[in-house]
Amino acid sequence: MTLLITAFAAIIATIAWYNVKADRKLGTLALMYWGASLMWLVDSVVEYIEAGAEFFTPETADMINDSYLGLSVVVLGLIIWTVVLLVKDPEGKVRAALSHK
């Protein structure tokens, strides 16, 4: 489930990046999600090698935990992306708002 959730987030971020005419800000988010998807893919392959056919019949509790972990990764990626945008402040809006006091 973690792989599916992060892969869907990566696909959605990539489509959004492509439709906004290669906006660099969305590219960062897409790359973070593709990196997470690659990490979960490697984890799934290793788990399949270790567990064999049992890998395809997970318990319900394991699926719920994996879903929660996948959603947590997506939310954490959004939080990190937001912090990066606020620190870089590419359009100077944060700096203007803070110096307007």
PDB file of N, CA and C in Angstrom:
ATOM      1  N   MET A   1       0.818  -1.196   0.000  1.00  0.00           N
ATOM      2  CA  MET A   1       0.000   0.000   0.000  1.00  0.00           C
ATOM      3  C   MET A   1       0.864   1.264   0.000  1.00  0.00           C
ATOM      4  N   THR A   2       1.982   1.210   0.699  1.00  0.00           N
ATOM      5  CA  THR A   2       2.831   2.397   0.715  1.00  0.00           C
ATOM      6  C   THR A   2       3.336   2.715  -0.685  1.00  0.00           C
ATOM      7  N   LEU A   3       3.704   1.681  -1.427  1.00  0.00           N
ATOM      8  CA  LEU A   3       4.174   1.886  -2.797  1.00  0.00           C
ATOM      9  C   LEU A   3       3.074   2.472  -3.668  1.00  0.00           C
ATOM     10  N   LEU A   4       1.873   1.949  -3.569  1.00  0.00           N
ATOM     11  CA  LEU A   4       0.771   2.452  -4.383  1.00  0.00           C
ATOM     12  C   LEU A   4       0.430   3.900  -4.053  1.00  0.00           C
ATOM     13  N   ILE A   5       0.373   4.224  -2.781  1.00  0.00           N
ATOM     14  CA  ILE A   5       0.010   5.582  -2.372  1.00  0.00           C
ATOM     15  C   ILE A   5       1.059   6.586  -2.822  1.00  0.00           C
ATOM     16  N   THR A   6       2.337   6.273  -2.602  1.00  0.00           N
ATOM     17  CA  THR A   6       3.373   7.226  -3.021  1.00  0.00           C
ATOM     18  C   THR A   6       3.509   7.286  -4.534  1.00  0.00           C
ATOM     19  N   ALA A   7       3.255   6.172  -5.227  1.00  0.00           N
ATOM     20  CA  ALA A   7       3.308   6.194  -6.690  1.00  0.00           C
ATOM     21  C   ALA A   7       2.178   7.057  -7.251  1.00  0.00           C
ATOM     22  N   PHE A   8       0.979   6.944  -6.681  1.00  0.00           N
ATOM     23  CA  PHE A   8      -0.125   7.805  -7.123  1.00  0.00           C
ATOM     24  C   PHE A   8       0.178   9.269  -6.838  1.00  0.00           C
ATOM     25  N   ALA A   9       0.765   9.562  -5.675  1.00  0.00           N
ATOM     26  CA  ALA A   9       1.136  10.939  -5.357  1.00  0.00           C
ATOM     27  C   ALA A   9       2.189  11.450  -6.339  1.00  0.00           C
ATOM     28  N   ALA A  10       3.140  10.596  -6.702  1.00  0.00           N
ATOM     29  CA  ALA A  10       4.173  10.988  -7.662  1.00  0.00           C
ATOM     30  C   ALA A  10       3.575  11.249  -9.033  1.00  0.00           C
ATOM     31  N   ILE A  11       2.638  10.412  -9.458  1.00  0.00           N
ATOM     32  CA  ILE A  11       2.001  10.602 -10.760  1.00  0.00           C
ATOM     33  C   ILE A  11       1.184  11.887 -10.771  1.00  0.00           C
ATOM     34  N   ILE A  12       0.436  12.144  -9.720  1.00  0.00           N
ATOM     35  CA  ILE A  12      -0.369  13.366  -9.645  1.00  0.00           C
ATOM     36  C   ILE A  12       0.527  14.606  -9.629  1.00  0.00           C
ATOM     37  N   ALA A  13       1.611  14.569  -8.847  1.00  0.00           N
ATOM     38  CA  ALA A  13       2.534  15.712  -8.799  1.00  0.00           C
ATOM     39  C   ALA A  13       3.216  15.927 -10.145  1.00  0.00           C
ATOM     40  N   THR A  14       3.547  14.845 -10.840  1.00  0.00           N
ATOM     41  CA  THR A  14       4.183  14.968 -12.152  1.00  0.00           C
ATOM     42  C   THR A  14       3.224  15.553 -13.177  1.00  0.00           C
ATOM     43  N   ILE A  15       1.965  15.105 -13.154  1.00  0.00           N
ATOM     44  CA  ILE A  15       0.962  15.664 -14.075  1.00  0.00           C
ATOM     45  C   ILE A  15       0.744  17.132 -13.780  1.00  0.00           C
ATOM     46  N   ALA A  16       0.671  17.502 -12.504  1.00  0.00           N
ATOM     47  CA  ALA A  16       0.508  18.913 -12.142  1.00  0.00           C
ATOM     48  C   ALA A  16       1.717  19.725 -12.591  1.00  0.00           C
ATOM     49  N   TRP A  17       2.915  19.178 -12.401  1.00  0.00           N
ATOM     50  CA  TRP A  17       4.136  19.869 -12.829  1.00  0.00           C
ATOM     51  C   TRP A  17       4.130  20.073 -14.343  1.00  0.00           C
ATOM     52  N   TYR A  18       3.722  19.057 -15.079  1.00  0.00           N
ATOM     53  CA  TYR A  18       3.711  19.139 -16.543  1.00  0.00           C
ATOM     54  C   TYR A  18       2.666  20.139 -17.035  1.00  0.00           C
ATOM     55  N   ASN A  19       1.521  20.202 -16.382  1.00  0.00           N
ATOM     56  CA  ASN A  19       0.457  21.119 -16.811  1.00  0.00           C
ATOM     57  C   ASN A  19       0.713  22.568 -16.426  1.00  0.00           C
ATOM     58  N   VAL A  20       1.621  22.815 -15.498  1.00  0.00           N
ATOM     59  CA  VAL A  20       1.937  24.185 -15.092  1.00  0.00           C
ATOM     60  C   VAL A  20       3.181  24.671 -15.840  1.00  0.00           C
ATOM     61  N   LYS A  21       3.457  24.069 -16.956  1.00  0.00           N
ATOM     62  CA  LYS A  21       4.569  24.459 -17.832  1.00  0.00           C
ATOM     63  C   LYS A  21       5.912  24.419 -17.112  1.00  0.00           C
ATOM     64  N   ALA A  22       6.222  23.268 -16.564  1.00  0.00           N
ATOM     65  CA  ALA A  22       7.523  22.990 -15.940  1.00  0.00           C
ATOM     66  C   ALA A  22       7.849  23.954 -14.800  1.00  0.00           C
ATOM     67  N   ASP A  23       6.890  24.170 -13.911  1.00  0.00           N
ATOM     68  CA  ASP A  23       7.123  24.996 -12.736  1.00  0.00           C
ATOM     69  C   ASP A  23       8.110  24.276 -11.819  1.00  0.00           C
ATOM     70  N   ARG A  24       9.213  24.919 -11.504  1.00  0.00           N
ATOM     71  CA  ARG A  24      10.276  24.282 -10.719  1.00  0.00           C
ATOM     72  C   ARG A  24       9.808  23.912  -9.322  1.00  0.00           C
ATOM     73  N   LYS A  25       8.839  24.657  -8.784  1.00  0.00           N
ATOM     74  CA  LYS A  25       8.375  24.370  -7.432  1.00  0.00           C
ATOM     75  C   LYS A  25       7.674  23.019  -7.361  1.00  0.00           C
ATOM     76  N   LEU A  26       6.855  22.713  -8.339  1.00  0.00           N
ATOM     77  CA  LEU A  26       6.169  21.423  -8.359  1.00  0.00           C
ATOM     78  C   LEU A  26       7.111  20.287  -8.742  1.00  0.00           C
ATOM     79  N   GLY A  27       8.170  20.603  -9.463  1.00  0.00           N
ATOM     80  CA  GLY A  27       9.157  19.589  -9.823  1.00  0.00           C
ATOM     81  C   GLY A  27       9.835  19.009  -8.593  1.00  0.00           C
ATOM     82  N   THR A  28      10.087  19.846  -7.607  1.00  0.00           N
ATOM     83  CA  THR A  28      10.692  19.388  -6.358  1.00  0.00           C
ATOM     84  C   THR A  28       9.772  18.391  -5.649  1.00  0.00           C
ATOM     85  N   LEU A  29       8.493  18.711  -5.604  1.00  0.00           N
ATOM     86  CA  LEU A  29       7.530  17.819  -4.971  1.00  0.00           C
ATOM     87  C   LEU A  29       7.446  16.491  -5.718  1.00  0.00           C
ATOM     88  N   ALA A  30       7.412  16.552  -7.046  1.00  0.00           N
ATOM     89  CA  ALA A  30       7.346  15.329  -7.850  1.00  0.00           C
ATOM     90  C   ALA A  30       8.584  14.462  -7.620  1.00  0.00           C
ATOM     91  N   LEU A  31       9.746  15.072  -7.565  1.00  0.00           N
ATOM     92  CA  LEU A  31      10.975  14.303  -7.335  1.00  0.00           C
ATOM     93  C   LEU A  31      10.988  13.664  -5.951  1.00  0.00           C
ATOM     94  N   MET A  32      10.469  14.356  -4.948  1.00  0.00           N
ATOM     95  CA  MET A  32      10.408  13.765  -3.607  1.00  0.00           C
ATOM     96  C   MET A  32       9.513  12.529  -3.612  1.00  0.00           C
ATOM     97  N   TYR A  33       8.382  12.614  -4.284  1.00  0.00           N
ATOM     98  CA  TYR A  33       7.462  11.477  -4.317  1.00  0.00           C
ATOM     99  C   TYR A  33       8.012  10.334  -5.170  1.00  0.00           C
ATOM    100  N   TRP A  34       8.703  10.645  -6.270  1.00  0.00           N
ATOM    101  CA  TRP A  34       9.310   9.577  -7.071  1.00  0.00           C
ATOM    102  C   TRP A  34      10.410   8.885  -6.286  1.00  0.00           C
ATOM    103  N   GLY A  35      11.164   9.648  -5.493  1.00  0.00           N
ATOM    104  CA  GLY A  35      12.194   9.035  -4.644  1.00  0.00           C
ATOM    105  C   GLY A  35      11.585   8.112  -3.599  1.00  0.00           C
ATOM    106  N   ALA A  36      10.470   8.536  -2.997  1.00  0.00           N
ATOM    107  CA  ALA A  36       9.784   7.686  -2.018  1.00  0.00           C
ATOM    108  C   ALA A  36       9.235   6.432  -2.697  1.00  0.00           C
ATOM    109  N   SER A  37       8.710   6.584  -3.909  1.00  0.00           N
ATOM    110  CA  SER A  37       8.182   5.429  -4.642  1.00  0.00           C
ATOM    111  C   SER A  37       9.293   4.431  -4.953  1.00  0.00           C
ATOM    112  N   LEU A  38      10.443   4.941  -5.345  1.00  0.00           N
ATOM    113  CA  LEU A  38      11.577   4.061  -5.622  1.00  0.00           C
ATOM    114  C   LEU A  38      12.025   3.332  -4.360  1.00  0.00           C
ATOM    115  N   MET A  39      12.030   4.040  -3.236  1.00  0.00           N
ATOM    116  CA  MET A  39      12.400   3.419  -1.965  1.00  0.00           C
ATOM    117  C   MET A  39      11.438   2.294  -1.613  1.00  0.00           C
ATOM    118  N   TRP A  40      10.126   2.514  -1.758  1.00  0.00           N
ATOM    119  CA  TRP A  40       9.143   1.486  -1.437  1.00  0.00           C
ATOM    120  C   TRP A  40       9.196   0.341  -2.439  1.00  0.00           C
ATOM    121  N   LEU A  41       9.559   0.624  -3.691  1.00  0.00           N
ATOM    122  CA  LEU A  41       9.698  -0.441  -4.675  1.00  0.00           C
ATOM    123  C   LEU A  41      10.826  -1.396  -4.277  1.00  0.00           C
ATOM    124  N   VAL A  42      11.955  -0.846  -3.890  1.00  0.00           N
ATOM    125  CA  VAL A  42      13.079  -1.675  -3.446  1.00  0.00           C
ATOM    126  C   VAL A  42      12.681  -2.460  -2.196  1.00  0.00           C
ATOM    127  N   ASP A  43      11.974  -1.821  -1.281  1.00  0.00           N
ATOM    128  CA  ASP A  43      11.515  -2.502  -0.078  1.00  0.00           C
ATOM    129  C   ASP A  43      10.577  -3.656  -0.431  1.00  0.00           C
ATOM    130  N   SER A  44       9.682  -3.451  -1.387  1.00  0.00           N
ATOM    131  CA  SER A  44       8.749  -4.504  -1.806  1.00  0.00           C
ATOM    132  C   SER A  44       9.475  -5.677  -2.460  1.00  0.00           C
ATOM    133  N   VAL A  45      10.465  -5.375  -3.281  1.00  0.00           N
ATOM    134  CA  VAL A  45      11.224  -6.451  -3.937  1.00  0.00           C
ATOM    135  C   VAL A  45      11.973  -7.280  -2.898  1.00  0.00           C
ATOM    136  N   VAL A  46      12.604  -6.621  -1.948  1.00  0.00           N
ATOM    137  CA  VAL A  46      13.342  -7.349  -0.901  1.00  0.00           C
ATOM    138  C   VAL A  46      12.376  -8.169  -0.054  1.00  0.00           C
ATOM    139  N   GLU A  47      11.224  -7.599   0.275  1.00  0.00           N
ATOM    140  CA  GLU A  47      10.247  -8.343   1.073  1.00  0.00           C
ATOM    141  C   GLU A  47       9.707  -9.541   0.293  1.00  0.00           C
ATOM    142  N   TYR A  48       9.515  -9.391  -1.010  1.00  0.00           N
ATOM    143  CA  TYR A  48       9.064 -10.518  -1.827  1.00  0.00           C
ATOM    144  C   TYR A  48      10.116 -11.620  -1.875  1.00  0.00           C
ATOM    145  N   ILE A  49      11.377 -11.220  -1.981  1.00  0.00           N
ATOM    146  CA  ILE A  49      12.461 -12.218  -1.992  1.00  0.00           C
ATOM    147  C   ILE A  49      12.486 -12.993  -0.681  1.00  0.00           C
ATOM    148  N   GLU A  50      12.251 -12.307   0.429  1.00  0.00           N
ATOM    149  CA  GLU A  50      12.281 -12.959   1.737  1.00  0.00           C
ATOM    150  C   GLU A  50      11.022 -13.784   2.012  1.00  0.00           C
ATOM    151  N   ALA A  51       9.835 -13.261   1.660  1.00  0.00           N
ATOM    152  CA  ALA A  51       8.583 -13.917   2.035  1.00  0.00           C
ATOM    153  C   ALA A  51       8.033 -14.836   0.956  1.00  0.00           C
ATOM    154  N   GLY A  52       8.396 -14.616  -0.272  1.00  0.00           N
ATOM    155  CA  GLY A  52       7.873 -15.442  -1.356  1.00  0.00           C
ATOM    156  C   GLY A  52       6.422 -15.120  -1.662  1.00  0.00           C
ATOM    157  N   ALA A  53       5.617 -16.147  -1.889  1.00  0.00           N
ATOM    158  CA  ALA A  53       4.217 -15.964  -2.285  1.00  0.00           C
ATOM    159  C   ALA A  53       3.368 -15.349  -1.172  1.00  0.00           C
ATOM    160  N   GLU A  54       3.797 -15.471   0.066  1.00  0.00           N
ATOM    161  CA  GLU A  54       3.065 -14.866   1.188  1.00  0.00           C
ATOM    162  C   GLU A  54       3.011 -13.349   1.087  1.00  0.00           C
ATOM    163  N   PHE A  55       3.892 -12.780   0.310  1.00  0.00           N
ATOM    164  CA  PHE A  55       3.932 -11.327   0.131  1.00  0.00           C
ATOM    165  C   PHE A  55       2.611 -10.819  -0.453  1.00  0.00           C
ATOM    166  N   PHE A  56       1.935 -11.636  -1.258  1.00  0.00           N
ATOM    167  CA  PHE A  56       0.720 -11.206  -1.946  1.00  0.00           C
ATOM    168  C   PHE A  56      -0.550 -11.438  -1.139  1.00  0.00           C
ATOM    169  N   THR A  57      -0.423 -11.962   0.072  1.00  0.00           N
ATOM    170  CA  THR A  57      -1.591 -12.160   0.933  1.00  0.00           C
ATOM    171  C   THR A  57      -1.349 -11.523   2.303  1.00  0.00           C
ATOM    172  N   PRO A  58      -1.315 -10.198   2.361  1.00  0.00           N
ATOM    173  CA  PRO A  58      -1.057  -9.536   3.641  1.00  0.00           C
ATOM    174  C   PRO A  58      -2.280  -9.588   4.556  1.00  0.00           C
ATOM    175  N   GLU A  59      -2.038  -9.493   5.818  1.00  0.00           N
ATOM    176  CA  GLU A  59      -3.104  -9.418   6.809  1.00  0.00           C
ATOM    177  C   GLU A  59      -3.763  -8.039   6.728  1.00  0.00           C
ATOM    178  N   THR A  60      -5.010  -7.963   7.192  1.00  0.00           N
ATOM    179  CA  THR A  60      -5.750  -6.694   7.161  1.00  0.00           C
ATOM    180  C   THR A  60      -5.046  -5.630   8.002  1.00  0.00           C
ATOM    181  N   ALA A  61      -4.552  -6.000   9.158  1.00  0.00           N
ATOM    182  CA  ALA A  61      -3.861  -5.037  10.028  1.00  0.00           C
ATOM    183  C   ALA A  61      -2.601  -4.503   9.355  1.00  0.00           C
ATOM    184  N   ASP A  62      -1.883  -5.364   8.637  1.00  0.00           N
ATOM    185  CA  ASP A  62      -0.690  -4.923   7.927  1.00  0.00           C
ATOM    186  C   ASP A  62      -1.042  -3.934   6.814  1.00  0.00           C
ATOM    187  N   MET A  63      -2.146  -4.186   6.127  1.00  0.00           N
ATOM    188  CA  MET A  63      -2.574  -3.276   5.054  1.00  0.00           C
ATOM    189  C   MET A  63      -2.973  -1.917   5.620  1.00  0.00           C
ATOM    190  N   ILE A  64      -3.639  -1.916   6.759  1.00  0.00           N
ATOM    191  CA  ILE A  64      -4.036  -0.652   7.393  1.00  0.00           C
ATOM    192  C   ILE A  64      -2.793   0.113   7.839  1.00  0.00           C
ATOM    193  N   ASN A  65      -1.846  -0.583   8.447  1.00  0.00           N
ATOM    194  CA  ASN A  65      -0.605   0.063   8.870  1.00  0.00           C
ATOM    195  C   ASN A  65       0.170   0.619   7.684  1.00  0.00           C
ATOM    196  N   ASP A  66       0.245  -0.141   6.600  1.00  0.00           N
ATOM    197  CA  ASP A  66       0.944   0.326   5.403  1.00  0.00           C
ATOM    198  C   ASP A  66       0.243   1.531   4.786  1.00  0.00           C
ATOM    199  N   SER A  67      -1.089   1.526   4.799  1.00  0.00           N
ATOM    200  CA  SER A  67      -1.838   2.669   4.270  1.00  0.00           C
ATOM    201  C   SER A  67      -1.562   3.917   5.096  1.00  0.00           C
ATOM    202  N   TYR A  68      -1.575   3.752   6.408  1.00  0.00           N
ATOM    203  CA  TYR A  68      -1.289   4.875   7.297  1.00  0.00           C
ATOM    204  C   TYR A  68       0.125   5.405   7.058  1.00  0.00           C
ATOM    205  N   LEU A  69       1.078   4.503   6.884  1.00  0.00           N
ATOM    206  CA  LEU A  69       2.452   4.912   6.622  1.00  0.00           C
ATOM    207  C   LEU A  69       2.565   5.637   5.281  1.00  0.00           C
ATOM    208  N   GLY A  70       1.887   5.129   4.255  1.00  0.00           N
ATOM    209  CA  GLY A  70       1.916   5.776   2.946  1.00  0.00           C
ATOM    210  C   GLY A  70       1.328   7.175   2.986  1.00  0.00           C
ATOM    211  N   LEU A  71       0.187   7.326   3.657  1.00  0.00           N
ATOM    212  CA  LEU A  71      -0.418   8.655   3.785  1.00  0.00           C
ATOM    213  C   LEU A  71       0.468   9.588   4.601  1.00  0.00           C
ATOM    214  N   SER A  72       1.120   9.048   5.629  1.00  0.00           N
ATOM    215  CA  SER A  72       2.038   9.866   6.434  1.00  0.00           C
ATOM    216  C   SER A  72       3.207  10.359   5.595  1.00  0.00           C
ATOM    217  N   VAL A  73       3.716   9.518   4.714  1.00  0.00           N
ATOM    218  CA  VAL A  73       4.826   9.912   3.842  1.00  0.00           C
ATOM    219  C   VAL A  73       4.387  11.022   2.889  1.00  0.00           C
ATOM    220  N   VAL A  74       3.184  10.902   2.345  1.00  0.00           N
ATOM    221  CA  VAL A  74       2.673  11.927   1.427  1.00  0.00           C
ATOM    222  C   VAL A  74       2.501  13.254   2.166  1.00  0.00           C
ATOM    223  N   VAL A  75       1.932  13.222   3.357  1.00  0.00           N
ATOM    224  CA  VAL A  75       1.740  14.448   4.134  1.00  0.00           C
ATOM    225  C   VAL A  75       3.084  15.040   4.548  1.00  0.00           C
ATOM    226  N   LEU A  76       4.025  14.203   4.981  1.00  0.00           N
ATOM    227  CA  LEU A  76       5.349  14.704   5.350  1.00  0.00           C
ATOM    228  C   LEU A  76       6.048  15.333   4.151  1.00  0.00           C
ATOM    229  N   GLY A  77       5.879  14.727   2.961  1.00  0.00           N
ATOM    230  CA  GLY A  77       6.437  15.323   1.748  1.00  0.00           C
ATOM    231  C   GLY A  77       5.853  16.697   1.474  1.00  0.00           C
ATOM    232  N   LEU A  78       4.546  16.847   1.665  1.00  0.00           N
ATOM    233  CA  LEU A  78       3.914  18.165   1.485  1.00  0.00           C
ATOM    234  C   LEU A  78       4.423  19.185   2.497  1.00  0.00           C
ATOM    235  N   ILE A  79       4.624  18.747   3.740  1.00  0.00           N
ATOM    236  CA  ILE A  79       5.135  19.657   4.774  1.00  0.00           C
ATOM    237  C   ILE A  79       6.554  20.098   4.429  1.00  0.00           C
ATOM    238  N   ILE A  80       7.408  19.161   4.048  1.00  0.00           N
ATOM    239  CA  ILE A  80       8.787  19.506   3.690  1.00  0.00           C
ATOM    240  C   ILE A  80       8.800  20.438   2.484  1.00  0.00           C
ATOM    241  N   TRP A  81       7.971  20.142   1.486  1.00  0.00           N
ATOM    242  CA  TRP A  81       7.890  20.980   0.287  1.00  0.00           C
ATOM    243  C   TRP A  81       7.445  22.398   0.640  1.00  0.00           C
ATOM    244  N   THR A  82       6.474  22.527   1.552  1.00  0.00           N
ATOM    245  CA  THR A  82       6.003  23.845   1.976  1.00  0.00           C
ATOM    246  C   THR A  82       7.104  24.609   2.698  1.00  0.00           C
ATOM    247  N   VAL A  83       7.844  23.942   3.570  1.00  0.00           N
ATOM    248  CA  VAL A  83       8.947  24.596   4.289  1.00  0.00           C
ATOM    249  C   VAL A  83      10.025  25.060   3.305  1.00  0.00           C
ATOM    250  N   VAL A  84      10.341  24.207   2.325  1.00  0.00           N
ATOM    251  CA  VAL A  84      11.338  24.592   1.312  1.00  0.00           C
ATOM    252  C   VAL A  84      10.870  25.821   0.550  1.00  0.00           C
ATOM    253  N   LEU A  85       9.590  25.866   0.182  1.00  0.00           N
ATOM    254  CA  LEU A  85       9.063  27.037  -0.524  1.00  0.00           C
ATOM    255  C   LEU A  85       9.126  28.293   0.336  1.00  0.00           C
ATOM    256  N   LEU A  86       8.812  28.154   1.614  1.00  0.00           N
ATOM    257  CA  LEU A  86       8.852  29.322   2.497  1.00  0.00           C
ATOM    258  C   LEU A  86      10.280  29.815   2.709  1.00  0.00           C
ATOM    259  N   VAL A  87      11.231  28.906   2.796  1.00  0.00           N
ATOM    260  CA  VAL A  87      12.623  29.303   3.010  1.00  0.00           C
ATOM    261  C   VAL A  87      13.205  29.925   1.744  1.00  0.00           C
ATOM    262  N   LYS A  88      12.965  29.300   0.587  1.00  0.00           N
ATOM    263  CA  LYS A  88      13.496  29.836  -0.660  1.00  0.00           C
ATOM    264  C   LYS A  88      12.781  31.113  -1.078  1.00  0.00           C
ATOM    265  N   ASP A  89      11.478  31.173  -0.859  1.00  0.00           N
ATOM    266  CA  ASP A  89      10.658  32.342  -1.183  1.00  0.00           C
ATOM    267  C   ASP A  89      10.956  32.856  -2.592  1.00  0.00           C
ATOM    268  N   PRO A  90      10.662  32.058  -3.626  1.00  0.00           N
ATOM    269  CA  PRO A  90      11.063  32.405  -4.989  1.00  0.00           C
ATOM    270  C   PRO A  90      10.439  33.694  -5.526  1.00  0.00           C
ATOM    271  N   GLU A  91       9.268  34.058  -5.069  1.00  0.00           N
ATOM    272  CA  GLU A  91       8.634  35.272  -5.573  1.00  0.00           C
ATOM    273  C   GLU A  91       8.745  36.435  -4.602  1.00  0.00           C
ATOM    274  N   GLY A  92       9.372  36.235  -3.460  1.00  0.00           N
ATOM    275  CA  GLY A  92       9.599  37.312  -2.496  1.00  0.00           C
ATOM    276  C   GLY A  92       8.362  37.727  -1.711  1.00  0.00           C
ATOM    277  N   LYS A  93       7.326  36.916  -1.719  1.00  0.00           N
ATOM    278  CA  LYS A  93       6.089  37.297  -1.044  1.00  0.00           C
ATOM    279  C   LYS A  93       6.210  37.205   0.472  1.00  0.00           C
ATOM    280  N   VAL A  94       6.916  36.211   0.973  1.00  0.00           N
ATOM    281  CA  VAL A  94       7.086  36.067   2.421  1.00  0.00           C
ATOM    282  C   VAL A  94       7.942  37.205   2.951  1.00  0.00           C
ATOM    283  N   ARG A  95       9.017  37.499   2.251  1.00  0.00           N
ATOM    284  CA  ARG A  95       9.900  38.591   2.666  1.00  0.00           C
ATOM    285  C   ARG A  95       9.153  39.931   2.663  1.00  0.00           C
ATOM    286  N   ALA A  96       8.323  40.158   1.658  1.00  0.00           N
ATOM    287  CA  ALA A  96       7.552  41.397   1.586  1.00  0.00           C
ATOM    288  C   ALA A  96       6.520  41.472   2.715  1.00  0.00           C
ATOM    289  N   ALA A  97       5.895  40.350   3.024  1.00  0.00           N
ATOM    290  CA  ALA A  97       4.902  40.343   4.102  1.00  0.00           C
ATOM    291  C   ALA A  97       5.554  40.567   5.457  1.00  0.00           C
ATOM    292  N   LEU A  98       6.753  40.015   5.660  1.00  0.00           N
ATOM    293  CA  LEU A  98       7.431  40.190   6.945  1.00  0.00           C
ATOM    294  C   LEU A  98       8.029  41.579   7.102  1.00  0.00           C
ATOM    295  N   SER A  99       8.456  42.183   6.026  1.00  0.00           N
ATOM    296  CA  SER A  99       9.071  43.521   6.114  1.00  0.00           C
ATOM    297  C   SER A  99       8.039  44.627   6.012  1.00  0.00           C
ATOM    298  N   HIS A 100       6.781  44.274   5.845  1.00  0.00           N
ATOM    299  CA  HIS A 100       5.718  45.267   5.695  1.00  0.00           C
ATOM    300  C   HIS A 100       5.213  45.783   7.031  1.00  0.00           C
ATOM    301  N   LYS A 101       5.751  45.260   8.131  1.00  0.00           N
ATOM    302  CA  LYS A 101       5.286  45.649   9.472  1.00  0.00           C
ATOM    303  C   LYS A 101       5.581  47.058   9.690  1.00  0.00           C
TER     304      LYS A 101
END
